[in-house]
Amino acid sequence: MTIYEALSLLAQFSSILLATLALTVSIIVSQQKKK
């Protein structure tokens, strides 16, 4: 595996992780507002 491939894979993984985190935070916030 080249460095470029590794970086590309890492970028994909981190973007998925960030999207999941953002989704989780938005769900928590909406739950808090309902109370």
N, C-alpha and C. Protein backbone atom coordinates (compact mmCIF):
# COMPACT_ATOMS: atom_id res chain seq x y z
N MET A 1 0.85 -1.22 0.00
CA MET A 1 0.00 0.00 0.00
C MET A 1 0.88 1.25 0.00
N THR A 2 0.58 2.17 -0.88
CA THR A 2 1.35 3.42 -0.92
C THR A 2 0.86 4.39 0.14
N ILE A 3 1.66 5.40 0.40
CA ILE A 3 1.30 6.43 1.39
C ILE A 3 0.01 7.13 0.96
N TYR A 4 -0.10 7.38 -0.37
CA TYR A 4 -1.30 8.05 -0.89
C TYR A 4 -2.55 7.24 -0.62
N GLU A 5 -2.48 5.93 -0.85
CA GLU A 5 -3.62 5.04 -0.60
C GLU A 5 -4.00 5.05 0.88
N ALA A 6 -2.99 5.00 1.73
CA ALA A 6 -3.22 5.01 3.17
C ALA A 6 -3.90 6.31 3.61
N LEU A 7 -3.41 7.43 3.09
CA LEU A 7 -4.01 8.73 3.42
C LEU A 7 -5.45 8.83 2.92
N SER A 8 -5.68 8.31 1.74
CA SER A 8 -7.02 8.32 1.15
C SER A 8 -7.99 7.53 2.00
N LEU A 9 -7.53 6.35 2.45
CA LEU A 9 -8.34 5.49 3.31
C LEU A 9 -8.64 6.19 4.64
N LEU A 10 -7.61 6.83 5.20
CA LEU A 10 -7.75 7.55 6.46
C LEU A 10 -8.74 8.71 6.32
N ALA A 11 -8.67 9.42 5.21
CA ALA A 11 -9.58 10.54 4.95
C ALA A 11 -11.03 10.06 4.86
N GLN A 12 -11.25 8.94 4.18
CA GLN A 12 -12.60 8.37 4.07
C GLN A 12 -13.12 7.98 5.45
N PHE A 13 -12.26 7.30 6.22
CA PHE A 13 -12.65 6.84 7.56
C PHE A 13 -12.98 8.01 8.47
N SER A 14 -12.14 9.05 8.46
CA SER A 14 -12.36 10.19 9.33
C SER A 14 -13.61 10.96 8.94
N SER A 15 -13.92 11.03 7.64
CA SER A 15 -15.13 11.73 7.21
C SER A 15 -16.38 10.96 7.64
N ILE A 16 -16.32 9.62 7.58
CA ILE A 16 -17.44 8.80 8.06
C ILE A 16 -17.61 8.99 9.56
N LEU A 17 -16.47 9.01 10.28
CA LEU A 17 -16.48 9.18 11.72
C LEU A 17 -17.08 10.54 12.09
N LEU A 18 -16.68 11.59 11.38
CA LEU A 18 -17.20 12.94 11.64
C LEU A 18 -18.70 13.02 11.36
N ALA A 19 -19.14 12.38 10.29
CA ALA A 19 -20.57 12.38 9.95
C ALA A 19 -21.38 11.68 11.03
N THR A 20 -20.86 10.55 11.51
CA THR A 20 -21.52 9.80 12.58
C THR A 20 -21.60 10.63 13.85
N LEU A 21 -20.50 11.30 14.17
CA LEU A 21 -20.43 12.14 15.36
C LEU A 21 -21.43 13.30 15.26
N ALA A 22 -21.48 13.95 14.12
CA ALA A 22 -22.41 15.06 13.91
C ALA A 22 -23.86 14.60 14.04
N LEU A 23 -24.16 13.43 13.49
CA LEU A 23 -25.50 12.87 13.57
C LEU A 23 -25.88 12.58 15.02
N THR A 24 -24.94 11.96 15.76
CA THR A 24 -25.16 11.64 17.16
C THR A 24 -25.42 12.91 17.98
N VAL A 25 -24.61 13.93 17.76
CA VAL A 25 -24.77 15.19 18.47
C VAL A 25 -26.12 15.83 18.17
N SER A 26 -26.53 15.83 16.90
CA SER A 26 -27.81 16.44 16.53
C SER A 26 -28.98 15.68 17.16
N ILE A 27 -28.87 14.35 17.26
CA ILE A 27 -29.92 13.56 17.91
C ILE A 27 -29.99 13.89 19.39
N ILE A 28 -28.83 13.98 20.05
CA ILE A 28 -28.79 14.31 21.48
C ILE A 28 -29.39 15.69 21.72
N VAL A 29 -29.03 16.65 20.89
CA VAL A 29 -29.55 18.01 21.03
C VAL A 29 -31.07 18.04 20.88
N SER A 30 -31.59 17.33 19.89
CA SER A 30 -33.04 17.30 19.68
C SER A 30 -33.75 16.61 20.84
N GLN A 31 -33.12 15.61 21.44
CA GLN A 31 -33.69 14.94 22.61
C GLN A 31 -33.74 15.91 23.80
N GLN A 32 -32.68 16.70 23.96
CA GLN A 32 -32.61 17.66 25.05
C GLN A 32 -33.69 18.74 24.90
N LYS A 33 -33.93 19.18 23.68
CA LYS A 33 -34.93 20.23 23.44
C LYS A 33 -36.35 19.77 23.74
N LYS A 34 -36.62 18.46 23.58
CA LYS A 34 -37.96 17.94 23.81
C LYS A 34 -38.35 17.99 25.29
N LYS A 35 -37.34 17.89 26.18
CA LYS A 35 -37.64 17.84 27.61
C LYS A 35 -38.19 19.15 28.16
